[in-house]
C-alpha atoms as a PDB file:
ATOM      1  CA  MET A   1      -3.742  58.058 -13.475  1.00  0.00           C
ATOM      2  CA  GLU A   2      -3.476  60.973 -11.423  1.00  0.00           C
ATOM      3  CA  THR A   3      -6.496  63.684 -10.746  1.00  0.00           C
ATOM      4  CA  HIS A   4      -5.876  66.607  -8.573  1.00  0.00           C
ATOM      5  CA  ASP A   5      -9.241  69.517  -9.810  1.00  0.00           C
ATOM      6  CA  LYS A   6      -9.797  67.507 -12.584  1.00  0.00           C
ATOM      7  CA  ILE A   7      -6.752  67.925 -14.490  1.00  0.00           C
ATOM      8  CA  VAL A   8      -5.741  64.751 -15.430  1.00  0.00           C
ATOM      9  CA  ARG A   9      -1.555  62.843 -15.638  1.00  0.00           C
ATOM     10  CA  LEU A  10      -1.823  60.120 -18.063  1.00  0.00           C
ATOM     11  CA  ALA A  11      -0.579  56.573 -16.706  1.00  0.00           C
ATOM     12  CA  PRO A  12       2.011  55.445 -19.193  1.00  0.00           C
ATOM     13  CA  TYR A  13       0.698  54.059 -22.026  1.00  0.00           C
ATOM     14  CA  GLU A  14      -2.864  55.960 -22.022  1.00  0.00           C
ATOM     15  CA  GLU A  15      -4.382  57.836 -23.992  1.00  0.00           C
ATOM     16  CA  VAL A  16      -6.296  61.124 -25.160  1.00  0.00           C
ATOM     17  CA  LEU A  17      -7.951  61.409 -28.170  1.00  0.00           C
ATOM     18  CA  GLY A  18     -10.293  64.425 -29.330  1.00  0.00           C
ATOM     19  CA  THR A  19     -10.130  68.593 -30.425  1.00  0.00           C
ATOM     20  CA  LEU A  20      -7.306  70.098 -28.777  1.00  0.00           C
ATOM     21  CA  CYS A  21      -9.781  73.067 -27.478  1.00  0.00           C
ATOM     22  CA  GLU A  22      -6.426  75.225 -25.654  1.00  0.00           C
ATOM     23  CA  LEU A  23      -3.469  74.789 -24.370  1.00  0.00           C
ATOM     24  CA  ILE A  24      -3.213  76.947 -20.785  1.00  0.00           C
ATOM     25  CA  GLU A  25       0.092  77.554 -17.965  1.00  0.00           C
ATOM     26  CA  ASP A  26      -0.708  76.012 -14.745  1.00  0.00           C
ATOM     27  CA  GLU A  27       2.337  76.852 -12.191  1.00  0.00           C
ATOM     28  CA  GLY A  28       5.113  75.308 -14.403  1.00  0.00           C
ATOM     29  CA  PHE A  29       2.990  72.733 -16.811  1.00  0.00           C
ATOM     30  CA  LEU A  30       1.184  72.423 -19.443  1.00  0.00           C
ATOM     31  CA  VAL A  31      -2.644  72.036 -19.799  1.00  0.00           C
ATOM     32  CA  ALA A  32      -4.286  70.899 -22.470  1.00  0.00           C
ATOM     33  CA  LYS A  33      -7.582  70.469 -23.201  1.00  0.00           C
ATOM     34  CA  ILE A  34      -8.672  68.141 -25.172  1.00  0.00           C
ATOM     35  CA  GLY A  35     -11.927  66.968 -25.967  1.00  0.00           C
ATOM     36  CA  LYS A  36     -13.985  67.220 -22.330  1.00  0.00           C
ATOM     37  CA  ILE A  37     -10.950  66.352 -20.906  1.00  0.00           C
ATOM     38  CA  MET A  38      -8.141  68.649 -19.457  1.00  0.00           C
ATOM     39  CA  VAL A  39      -4.589  66.807 -19.171  1.00  0.00           C
ATOM     40  CA  TYR A  40      -1.095  67.895 -17.529  1.00  0.00           C
ATOM     41  CA  LEU A  41       1.351  67.833 -20.226  1.00  0.00           C
ATOM     42  CA  PRO A  42       5.255  69.247 -19.747  1.00  0.00           C
ATOM     43  CA  MET A  43       5.328  72.444 -21.159  1.00  0.00           C
ATOM     44  CA  GLU A  44       7.649  71.733 -23.522  1.00  0.00           C
ATOM     45  CA  MET A  45       5.186  70.397 -26.019  1.00  0.00           C
ATOM     46  CA  LYS A  46       3.044  74.046 -25.804  1.00  0.00           C
ATOM     47  CA  GLN A  47       5.108  75.145 -29.355  1.00  0.00           C
ATOM     48  CA  ARG A  48       4.945  71.700 -31.169  1.00  0.00           C
ATOM     49  CA  LEU A  49       1.002  71.788 -30.504  1.00  0.00           C
ATOM     50  CA  MET A  50      -0.162  75.198 -30.269  1.00  0.00           C
ATOM     51  CA  PRO A  51      -0.484  75.032 -34.516  1.00  0.00           C
ATOM     52  CA  PHE A  52      -2.937  72.234 -33.876  1.00  0.00           C
ATOM     53  CA  VAL A  53      -5.388  74.197 -31.709  1.00  0.00           C
ATOM     54  CA  GLY A  54      -9.222  73.703 -33.051  1.00  0.00           C
ATOM     55  CA  ARG A  55      -7.535  70.135 -35.191  1.00  0.00           C
ATOM     56  CA  ASN A  56      -8.297  66.557 -33.721  1.00  0.00           C
ATOM     57  CA  ILE A  57      -5.632  65.124 -31.710  1.00  0.00           C
ATOM     58  CA  ALA A  58      -4.548  62.063 -29.284  1.00  0.00           C
ATOM     59  CA  VAL A  59      -1.320  62.496 -27.055  1.00  0.00           C
ATOM     60  CA  LEU A  60       0.270  59.073 -26.243  1.00  0.00           C
ATOM     61  CA  HIS A  61       2.085  59.144 -22.824  1.00  0.00           C
ATOM     62  CA  THR A  62       4.928  56.567 -23.324  1.00  0.00           C
ATOM     63  CA  ASP A  63       7.807  54.726 -21.036  1.00  0.00           C
ATOM     64  CA  ILE A  64      10.047  55.960 -23.752  1.00  0.00           C
ATOM     65  CA  PRO A  65      13.440  57.592 -22.170  1.00  0.00           C
ATOM     66  CA  GLN A  66      13.716  60.980 -24.731  1.00  0.00           C
ATOM     67  CA  LYS A  67      10.173  60.466 -25.543  1.00  0.00           C
ATOM     68  CA  GLU A  68       7.396  60.450 -23.132  1.00  0.00           C
ATOM     69  CA  TYR A  69       4.795  62.166 -25.174  1.00  0.00           C
ATOM     70  CA  LEU A  70       4.328  61.727 -28.923  1.00  0.00           C
ATOM     71  CA  TYR A  71       1.642  63.030 -30.148  1.00  0.00           C
ATOM     72  CA  ARG A  72      -0.236  62.456 -33.495  1.00  0.00           C
ATOM     73  CA  ILE A  73      -2.865  63.802 -35.722  1.00  0.00           C
ATOM     74  CA  PRO A  74      -5.356  61.159 -37.208  1.00  0.00           C
ATOM     75  CA  SER A  75      -6.355  61.320 -40.358  1.00  0.00           C
ATOM     76  CA  GLU A  76      -9.356  59.842 -40.073  1.00  0.00           C
ATOM     77  CA  PRO A  77     -12.928  62.132 -38.289  1.00  0.00           C
ATOM     78  CA  VAL A  78     -12.519  61.076 -34.606  1.00  0.00           C
ATOM     79  CA  ILE A  79     -15.497  59.861 -32.285  1.00  0.00           C
ATOM     80  CA  GLU A  80     -14.710  61.037 -29.109  1.00  0.00           C
ATOM     81  CA  LYS A  81     -15.716  58.953 -26.235  1.00  0.00           C
ATOM     82  CA  PRO A  82     -13.912  58.432 -22.468  1.00  0.00           C
ATOM     83  CA  VAL A  83     -10.559  56.548 -22.509  1.00  0.00           C
ATOM     84  CA  VAL A  84      -9.141  53.412 -20.898  1.00  0.00           C
ATOM     85  CA  SER A  85      -9.258  53.451 -17.377  1.00  0.00           C
ATOM     86  CA  ASP A  86     -11.456  53.895 -14.690  1.00  0.00           C
ATOM     87  CA  SER A  87     -10.121  57.268 -13.164  1.00  0.00           C
ATOM     88  CA  LEU A  88      -9.873  58.565 -16.325  1.00  0.00           C
ATOM     89  CA  ARG A  89     -13.773  57.944 -16.996  1.00  0.00           C
ATOM     90  CA  GLU A  90     -14.479  58.915 -13.161  1.00  0.00           C
ATOM     91  CA  ALA A  91     -12.249  62.319 -14.013  1.00  0.00           C
ATOM     92  CA  CYS A  92     -14.722  62.748 -17.561  1.00  0.00           C
ATOM     93  CA  HIS A  93     -17.354  62.140 -15.574  1.00  0.00           C
ATOM     94  CA  ALA A  94     -16.993  64.563 -13.202  1.00  0.00           C
ATOM     95  CA  LEU A  95     -17.139  67.873 -15.645  1.00  0.00           C
END
C-alpha cells in the first residue's frame, strides 16, 4: 500500500471498512473518505458510490481484471478499526 499526503492506495486484497463520509475529485482520481481513512479509487466509481455517502461501506482492491475494486454494503453495524497492513495502520495514526 502506498500513501501520499495521508491518502492511501489499497494493495491487492486490502479492504477498508467504515462510514463513507465524502467523495472528492483529486487530479483525475477519486478520493473516498471512509471512516478516518482517505483512499484513492478509480474515478469511474464515483457515480456508483454517491448513493452510499453517509452509510457503512467496505471497499476491496482485487487483482481480478475488469473488477479491480469491489464494494459492499454491510448488513450489520460496523465497528470501525484499522485494516490489516502496517502502512495503513501508520496512515490512520498520522491523521
